[in-house]
Amino acid sequence: MLSHVIRAQSYDDSGKLATVGEYTIVRRKKVGSGEIFIGRSMTEGIPYLVAQIDYHRAPEVVYINHHLLVPNYDEAMSCYQRMIRETAKETAREIQWGYLNGEENAVALTTFTDRDCCPVHRSESIEGKIVAIQLEPSRFAFTHSAYQLVLVEGGAGATGERGWTFRGICLATMERKIWRRTEVLGVLRHDSIPLWAMLRLQEIRRCGIDGNPSDDTGGAEVYV
């Protein structure tokens, strides 16, 4: 039985996931904040694995959200294409946010670049600030610029210590996840923060993401 949490995996020289368990990835597509792939095994009883994975929840751990084991490549391709379509629709719904009404609150499709950010040295703290994540990090890619914006909560990578990872809240999905410091473009400039992100930040300060208000997520220092 395939576990939903896979710790037995390997990466290629470019940092891309190469194997999951006994399955070698032979085809892949980045969708939303994760990836969909076909894996092939020469030793498992069912040779093909089609899966949707999420890299964000913990460093170097693959979380499988959905998976299918199929007996042949044709069926694997059919499942793969269907999973891409369904995930793309789900991603589109995530970025609509029904409670944000009016065009002025719409999510812009403009990609955030280093021009929108204040550069930060590796030794500087980014805790409590909104940062922009690179659109093409080494382990995954975002297909919408909204996924670039993260409110940093903590971790050694946030405070400028020796660690490389930090915890944060993705403002697009309101989920707590893990990022690498090397994926950060910089701290988002005040005049680059879109209205929808401001509203999300206010919601986090008022209610938290679990219904409990929090005083240590954000603050005036977000707006540098």
C-alpha atoms as a PDB file:
ATOM      1  CA  MET A   1       0.000   0.000   0.000  1.00  0.00           C
ATOM      2  CA  LEU A   2       1.476   3.340  -1.042  1.00  0.00           C
ATOM      3  CA  SER A   3       1.813   5.768   1.872  1.00  0.00           C
ATOM      4  CA  HIS A   4       0.535   9.326   1.546  1.00  0.00           C
ATOM      5  CA  VAL A   5       3.852  10.487   2.994  1.00  0.00           C
ATOM      6  CA  ILE A   6       6.872   9.298   1.034  1.00  0.00           C
ATOM      7  CA  ARG A   7      10.291   9.685   2.617  1.00  0.00           C
ATOM      8  CA  ALA A   8      12.095   7.279   0.278  1.00  0.00           C
ATOM      9  CA  GLN A   9      12.768   9.527  -2.698  1.00  0.00           C
ATOM     10  CA  SER A  10      15.695  10.885  -4.659  1.00  0.00           C
ATOM     11  CA  TYR A  11      16.453  14.034  -6.652  1.00  0.00           C
ATOM     12  CA  ASP A  12      18.414  14.581  -9.838  1.00  0.00           C
ATOM     13  CA  ASP A  13      21.302  17.022 -10.280  1.00  0.00           C
ATOM     14  CA  SER A  14      18.928  19.915 -11.029  1.00  0.00           C
ATOM     15  CA  GLY A  15      16.993  19.386  -7.788  1.00  0.00           C
ATOM     16  CA  LYS A  16      13.937  17.817  -9.440  1.00  0.00           C
ATOM     17  CA  LEU A  17      12.273  14.795  -7.905  1.00  0.00           C
ATOM     18  CA  ALA A  18      13.577  11.681  -9.693  1.00  0.00           C
ATOM     19  CA  THR A  19      12.075   8.731  -7.783  1.00  0.00           C
ATOM     20  CA  VAL A  20       9.248   8.131  -5.335  1.00  0.00           C
ATOM     21  CA  GLY A  21       9.495   4.854  -3.515  1.00  0.00           C
ATOM     22  CA  GLU A  22      10.226   2.217  -6.180  1.00  0.00           C
ATOM     23  CA  TYR A  23       8.856   4.385  -8.994  1.00  0.00           C
ATOM     24  CA  THR A  24      11.056   6.382 -11.374  1.00  0.00           C
ATOM     25  CA  ILE A  25       9.388   9.500 -12.757  1.00  0.00           C
ATOM     26  CA  VAL A  26       9.041   9.312 -16.538  1.00  0.00           C
ATOM     27  CA  ARG A  27       6.642  12.199 -17.162  1.00  0.00           C
ATOM     28  CA  ARG A  28       5.704  15.268 -15.089  1.00  0.00           C
ATOM     29  CA  LYS A  29       3.693  18.497 -15.144  1.00  0.00           C
ATOM     30  CA  LYS A  30       3.791  21.331 -12.614  1.00  0.00           C
ATOM     31  CA  VAL A  31       0.292  22.496 -11.690  1.00  0.00           C
ATOM     32  CA  GLY A  32      -0.657  24.893  -8.907  1.00  0.00           C
ATOM     33  CA  SER A  33       1.712  24.566  -5.965  1.00  0.00           C
ATOM     34  CA  GLY A  34       2.684  20.990  -6.723  1.00  0.00           C
ATOM     35  CA  GLU A  35       3.296  18.506  -9.473  1.00  0.00           C
ATOM     36  CA  ILE A  36       1.588  15.627 -11.253  1.00  0.00           C
ATOM     37  CA  PHE A  37       3.713  12.771 -12.535  1.00  0.00           C
ATOM     38  CA  ILE A  38       3.797   9.280 -13.985  1.00  0.00           C
ATOM     39  CA  GLY A  39       6.188   6.876 -12.298  1.00  0.00           C
ATOM     40  CA  ARG A  40       7.310   3.485 -13.580  1.00  0.00           C
ATOM     41  CA  SER A  41       8.560   0.571 -11.511  1.00  0.00           C
ATOM     42  CA  MET A  42      10.309  -2.561 -12.719  1.00  0.00           C
ATOM     43  CA  THR A  43       9.776  -4.362  -9.398  1.00  0.00           C
ATOM     44  CA  GLU A  44       6.277  -3.452  -8.164  1.00  0.00           C
ATOM     45  CA  GLY A  45       3.332  -5.664  -9.081  1.00  0.00           C
ATOM     46  CA  ILE A  46       1.489  -2.718 -10.642  1.00  0.00           C
ATOM     47  CA  PRO A  47       4.090  -0.947 -12.797  1.00  0.00           C
ATOM     48  CA  TYR A  48       2.681   2.581 -13.174  1.00  0.00           C
ATOM     49  CA  LEU A  49       1.955   5.245 -10.569  1.00  0.00           C
ATOM     50  CA  VAL A  50       0.067   8.468 -11.364  1.00  0.00           C
ATOM     51  CA  ALA A  51       0.170  10.967  -8.524  1.00  0.00           C
ATOM     52  CA  GLN A  52      -0.388  14.554  -7.472  1.00  0.00           C
ATOM     53  CA  ILE A  53       2.212  15.692  -4.962  1.00  0.00           C
ATOM     54  CA  ASP A  54       2.788  18.684  -2.690  1.00  0.00           C
ATOM     55  CA  TYR A  55       6.291  19.701  -1.661  1.00  0.00           C
ATOM     56  CA  HIS A  56       5.390  22.419   0.810  1.00  0.00           C
ATOM     57  CA  ARG A  57       4.440  20.810   4.065  1.00  0.00           C
ATOM     58  CA  ALA A  58       7.914  19.761   5.187  1.00  0.00           C
ATOM     59  CA  PRO A  59      11.364  19.929   3.613  1.00  0.00           C
ATOM     60  CA  GLU A  60      12.556  16.863   1.712  1.00  0.00           C
ATOM     61  CA  VAL A  61       9.279  15.017   2.285  1.00  0.00           C
ATOM     62  CA  VAL A  62       6.860  14.271  -0.542  1.00  0.00           C
ATOM     63  CA  TYR A  63       3.160  14.404   0.290  1.00  0.00           C
ATOM     64  CA  ILE A  64       0.913  12.535  -2.120  1.00  0.00           C
ATOM     65  CA  ASN A  65      -2.529  14.147  -2.285  1.00  0.00           C
ATOM     66  CA  HIS A  66      -3.993  11.740  -4.863  1.00  0.00           C
ATOM     67  CA  HIS A  67      -2.579   8.675  -6.542  1.00  0.00           C
ATOM     68  CA  LEU A  68      -3.575   5.810  -8.818  1.00  0.00           C
ATOM     69  CA  LEU A  69      -1.764   2.551  -9.590  1.00  0.00           C
ATOM     70  CA  VAL A  70      -2.425   1.332 -13.134  1.00  0.00           C
ATOM     71  CA  PRO A  71      -1.235  -1.660 -15.185  1.00  0.00           C
ATOM     72  CA  ASN A  72      -0.154  -0.024 -18.473  1.00  0.00           C
ATOM     73  CA  TYR A  73       1.196   3.219 -19.903  1.00  0.00           C
ATOM     74  CA  ASP A  74      -1.862   4.100 -22.001  1.00  0.00           C
ATOM     75  CA  GLU A  75      -4.116   4.007 -18.962  1.00  0.00           C
ATOM     76  CA  ALA A  76      -1.490   5.926 -16.975  1.00  0.00           C
ATOM     77  CA  MET A  77      -1.472   8.702 -19.632  1.00  0.00           C
ATOM     78  CA  SER A  78      -5.264   8.916 -19.561  1.00  0.00           C
ATOM     79  CA  CYS A  79      -5.271   9.239 -15.751  1.00  0.00           C
ATOM     80  CA  TYR A  80      -2.392  11.710 -15.902  1.00  0.00           C
ATOM     81  CA  GLN A  81      -4.206  14.027 -18.327  1.00  0.00           C
ATOM     82  CA  ARG A  82      -7.443  13.823 -16.343  1.00  0.00           C
ATOM     83  CA  MET A  83      -5.631  14.624 -13.099  1.00  0.00           C
ATOM     84  CA  ILE A  84      -3.985  17.663 -14.729  1.00  0.00           C
ATOM     85  CA  ARG A  85      -7.355  18.996 -15.884  1.00  0.00           C
ATOM     86  CA  GLU A  86      -8.992  18.462 -12.496  1.00  0.00           C
ATOM     87  CA  THR A  87      -6.093  20.009 -10.588  1.00  0.00           C
ATOM     88  CA  ALA A  88      -6.018  23.008 -12.920  1.00  0.00           C
ATOM     89  CA  LYS A  89      -9.723  23.622 -12.265  1.00  0.00           C
ATOM     90  CA  GLU A  90      -9.197  23.290  -8.521  1.00  0.00           C
ATOM     91  CA  THR A  91      -6.287  25.728  -8.660  1.00  0.00           C
ATOM     92  CA  ALA A  92      -8.406  28.209 -10.604  1.00  0.00           C
ATOM     93  CA  ARG A  93     -11.114  28.019  -7.931  1.00  0.00           C
ATOM     94  CA  GLU A  94      -8.557  28.578  -5.171  1.00  0.00           C
ATOM     95  CA  ILE A  95      -7.430  31.871  -6.653  1.00  0.00           C
ATOM     96  CA  GLN A  96     -10.924  33.273  -7.185  1.00  0.00           C
ATOM     97  CA  TRP A  97     -11.814  33.676  -3.472  1.00  0.00           C
ATOM     98  CA  GLY A  98     -15.544  34.121  -3.644  1.00  0.00           C
ATOM     99  CA  TYR A  99     -15.713  36.541  -0.731  1.00  0.00           C
ATOM    100  CA  LEU A 100     -13.517  39.097  -2.546  1.00  0.00           C
ATOM    101  CA  ASN A 101     -16.074  41.012  -4.578  1.00  0.00           C
ATOM    102  CA  GLY A 102     -15.369  43.657  -7.175  1.00  0.00           C
ATOM    103  CA  GLU A 103     -12.713  44.091  -9.811  1.00  0.00           C
ATOM    104  CA  GLU A 104     -10.555  46.181  -7.488  1.00  0.00           C
ATOM    105  CA  ASN A 105      -9.969  43.059  -5.381  1.00  0.00           C
ATOM    106  CA  ALA A 106      -9.197  40.768  -8.284  1.00  0.00           C
ATOM    107  CA  VAL A 107      -5.913  38.887  -8.228  1.00  0.00           C
ATOM    108  CA  ALA A 108      -3.519  40.338 -10.785  1.00  0.00           C
ATOM    109  CA  LEU A 109      -1.728  37.932 -13.093  1.00  0.00           C
ATOM    110  CA  THR A 110       1.446  40.028 -13.011  1.00  0.00           C
ATOM    111  CA  THR A 111       4.472  38.095 -11.825  1.00  0.00           C
ATOM    112  CA  PHE A 112       6.324  39.558  -8.857  1.00  0.00           C
ATOM    113  CA  THR A 113      10.019  40.138  -9.578  1.00  0.00           C
ATOM    114  CA  ASP A 114      13.008  41.525  -7.701  1.00  0.00           C
ATOM    115  CA  ARG A 115      11.868  45.001  -8.806  1.00  0.00           C
ATOM    116  CA  ASP A 116       8.871  44.620  -6.493  1.00  0.00           C
ATOM    117  CA  CYS A 117      11.062  43.676  -3.530  1.00  0.00           C
ATOM    118  CA  CYS A 118      13.568  45.091  -1.092  1.00  0.00           C
ATOM    119  CA  PRO A 119      16.653  42.862  -1.253  1.00  0.00           C
ATOM    120  CA  VAL A 120      17.603  41.111   1.977  1.00  0.00           C
ATOM    121  CA  HIS A 121      20.922  39.559   2.949  1.00  0.00           C
ATOM    122  CA  ARG A 122      20.946  35.924   4.032  1.00  0.00           C
ATOM    123  CA  SER A 123      21.849  37.016   7.574  1.00  0.00           C
ATOM    124  CA  GLU A 124      18.895  39.433   7.867  1.00  0.00           C
ATOM    125  CA  SER A 125      15.629  38.418   9.504  1.00  0.00           C
ATOM    126  CA  ILE A 126      12.506  38.195   7.350  1.00  0.00           C
ATOM    127  CA  GLU A 127      10.269  37.075  10.214  1.00  0.00           C
ATOM    128  CA  GLY A 128       6.846  38.737  10.187  1.00  0.00           C
ATOM    129  CA  LYS A 129       7.282  40.088   6.663  1.00  0.00           C
ATOM    130  CA  ILE A 130       5.626  39.409   3.320  1.00  0.00           C
ATOM    131  CA  VAL A 131       8.135  37.933   0.906  1.00  0.00           C
ATOM    132  CA  ALA A 132       7.932  37.056  -2.764  1.00  0.00           C
ATOM    133  CA  ILE A 133       8.930  33.519  -3.734  1.00  0.00           C
ATOM    134  CA  GLN A 134      10.681  32.846  -7.017  1.00  0.00           C
ATOM    135  CA  LEU A 135       8.298  31.710  -9.738  1.00  0.00           C
ATOM    136  CA  GLU A 136      10.578  28.787 -10.636  1.00  0.00           C
ATOM    137  CA  PRO A 137      12.120  27.426  -7.436  1.00  0.00           C
ATOM    138  CA  SER A 138      14.268  24.329  -7.695  1.00  0.00           C
ATOM    139  CA  ARG A 139      11.709  21.878  -6.281  1.00  0.00           C
ATOM    140  CA  PHE A 140       8.407  23.100  -7.685  1.00  0.00           C
ATOM    141  CA  ALA A 141       6.801  25.916  -9.635  1.00  0.00           C
ATOM    142  CA  PHE A 142       3.782  28.109  -9.201  1.00  0.00           C
ATOM    143  CA  THR A 143       1.436  28.612 -12.131  1.00  0.00           C
ATOM    144  CA  HIS A 144      -0.089  31.792 -10.668  1.00  0.00           C
ATOM    145  CA  SER A 145       1.665  34.797  -9.193  1.00  0.00           C
ATOM    146  CA  ALA A 146      -0.653  34.773  -6.162  1.00  0.00           C
ATOM    147  CA  TYR A 147       1.230  31.739  -4.854  1.00  0.00           C
ATOM    148  CA  GLN A 148       4.406  33.830  -4.687  1.00  0.00           C
ATOM    149  CA  LEU A 149       3.297  35.840  -1.654  1.00  0.00           C
ATOM    150  CA  VAL A 150       4.136  34.382   1.741  1.00  0.00           C
ATOM    151  CA  LEU A 151       3.835  35.820   5.254  1.00  0.00           C
ATOM    152  CA  VAL A 152       6.891  34.542   7.107  1.00  0.00           C
ATOM    153  CA  GLU A 153       6.186  33.146  10.579  1.00  0.00           C
ATOM    154  CA  GLY A 154       9.479  31.751  11.823  1.00  0.00           C
ATOM    155  CA  GLY A 155      12.164  29.125  11.635  1.00  0.00           C
ATOM    156  CA  ALA A 156      15.944  29.282  11.520  1.00  0.00           C
ATOM    157  CA  GLY A 157      15.845  30.311   7.865  1.00  0.00           C
ATOM    158  CA  ALA A 158      13.614  33.269   8.737  1.00  0.00           C
ATOM    159  CA  THR A 159      15.767  34.733  11.485  1.00  0.00           C
ATOM    160  CA  GLY A 160      19.089  34.669   9.650  1.00  0.00           C
ATOM    161  CA  GLU A 161      20.450  31.735  11.610  1.00  0.00           C
ATOM    162  CA  ARG A 162      22.237  28.765  10.079  1.00  0.00           C
ATOM    163  CA  GLY A 163      19.084  26.953   8.969  1.00  0.00           C
ATOM    164  CA  TRP A 164      17.784  27.168   5.410  1.00  0.00           C
ATOM    165  CA  THR A 165      14.045  26.607   5.818  1.00  0.00           C
ATOM    166  CA  PHE A 166      11.292  28.766   7.269  1.00  0.00           C
ATOM    167  CA  ARG A 167       7.594  28.477   8.071  1.00  0.00           C
ATOM    168  CA  GLY A 168       5.100  30.768   6.453  1.00  0.00           C
ATOM    169  CA  ILE A 169       1.496  31.313   5.426  1.00  0.00           C
ATOM    170  CA  CYS A 170       0.765  31.246   1.710  1.00  0.00           C
ATOM    171  CA  LEU A 171      -1.568  34.240   1.293  1.00  0.00           C
ATOM    172  CA  ALA A 172      -3.242  32.573  -1.686  1.00  0.00           C
ATOM    173  CA  THR A 173      -4.378  29.450   0.148  1.00  0.00           C
ATOM    174  CA  MET A 174      -4.012  30.511   3.812  1.00  0.00           C
ATOM    175  CA  GLU A 175      -2.015  27.335   4.449  1.00  0.00           C
ATOM    176  CA  ARG A 176       1.057  27.003   6.651  1.00  0.00           C
ATOM    177  CA  LYS A 177       3.904  25.474   4.686  1.00  0.00           C
ATOM    178  CA  ILE A 178       7.685  25.266   4.461  1.00  0.00           C
ATOM    179  CA  TRP A 179       9.966  27.184   2.097  1.00  0.00           C
ATOM    180  CA  ARG A 180      13.702  27.486   1.567  1.00  0.00           C
ATOM    181  CA  ARG A 181      15.460  30.793   2.134  1.00  0.00           C
ATOM    182  CA  THR A 182      17.087  30.447  -1.288  1.00  0.00           C
ATOM    183  CA  GLU A 183      13.619  30.633  -2.895  1.00  0.00           C
ATOM    184  CA  VAL A 184      13.004  34.170  -1.589  1.00  0.00           C
ATOM    185  CA  LEU A 185      13.320  37.046  -4.048  1.00  0.00           C
ATOM    186  CA  GLY A 186      13.060  39.636  -1.284  1.00  0.00           C
ATOM    187  CA  VAL A 187      10.672  41.443   1.047  1.00  0.00           C
ATOM    188  CA  LEU A 188       7.735  42.844  -0.901  1.00  0.00           C
ATOM    189  CA  ARG A 189       7.731  46.633  -1.099  1.00  0.00           C
ATOM    190  CA  HIS A 190       4.751  48.411   0.444  1.00  0.00           C
ATOM    191  CA  ASP A 191       3.631  49.858  -2.873  1.00  0.00           C
ATOM    192  CA  SER A 192       3.798  46.407  -4.481  1.00  0.00           C
ATOM    193  CA  ILE A 193       1.463  44.670  -2.024  1.00  0.00           C
ATOM    194  CA  PRO A 194      -1.872  44.102  -3.839  1.00  0.00           C
ATOM    195  CA  LEU A 195      -5.177  44.836  -2.165  1.00  0.00           C
ATOM    196  CA  TRP A 196      -6.187  41.183  -1.942  1.00  0.00           C
ATOM    197  CA  ALA A 197      -2.973  40.426  -0.023  1.00  0.00           C
ATOM    198  CA  MET A 198      -3.653  43.349   2.339  1.00  0.00           C
ATOM    199  CA  LEU A 199      -7.107  41.916   3.039  1.00  0.00           C
ATOM    200  CA  ARG A 200      -5.665  38.470   3.681  1.00  0.00           C
ATOM    201  CA  LEU A 201      -3.110  39.958   6.079  1.00  0.00           C
ATOM    202  CA  GLN A 202      -5.875  41.786   7.972  1.00  0.00           C
ATOM    203  CA  GLU A 203      -7.838  38.532   8.186  1.00  0.00           C
ATOM    204  CA  ILE A 204      -4.838  36.682   9.602  1.00  0.00           C
ATOM    205  CA  ARG A 205      -4.241  39.377  12.208  1.00  0.00           C
ATOM    206  CA  ARG A 206      -7.895  39.469  13.188  1.00  0.00           C
ATOM    207  CA  CYS A 207      -8.739  35.766  13.188  1.00  0.00           C
ATOM    208  CA  GLY A 208      -5.565  33.819  12.503  1.00  0.00           C
ATOM    209  CA  ILE A 209      -5.782  30.932  10.052  1.00  0.00           C
ATOM    210  CA  ASP A 210      -7.229  28.573  12.636  1.00  0.00           C
ATOM    211  CA  GLY A 211      -9.786  30.940  14.171  1.00  0.00           C
ATOM    212  CA  ASN A 212      -7.427  32.202  16.876  1.00  0.00           C
ATOM    213  CA  PRO A 213      -6.157  35.783  16.597  1.00  0.00           C
ATOM    214  CA  SER A 214      -2.386  36.105  16.592  1.00  0.00           C
ATOM    215  CA  ASP A 215      -0.231  39.103  17.431  1.00  0.00           C
ATOM    216  CA  ASP A 216       3.017  37.683  16.122  1.00  0.00           C
ATOM    217  CA  THR A 217       2.146  37.260  12.432  1.00  0.00           C
ATOM    218  CA  GLY A 218       2.894  40.454  10.642  1.00  0.00           C
ATOM    219  CA  GLY A 219       3.019  43.925  12.096  1.00  0.00           C
ATOM    220  CA  ALA A 220       4.136  47.332  10.928  1.00  0.00           C
ATOM    221  CA  GLU A 221       7.455  45.912   9.824  1.00  0.00           C
ATOM    222  CA  VAL A 222       5.717  44.059   7.008  1.00  0.00           C
ATOM    223  CA  TYR A 223       5.491  47.332   5.136  1.00  0.00           C
ATOM    224  CA  VAL A 224       9.136  48.138   4.497  1.00  0.00           C
END
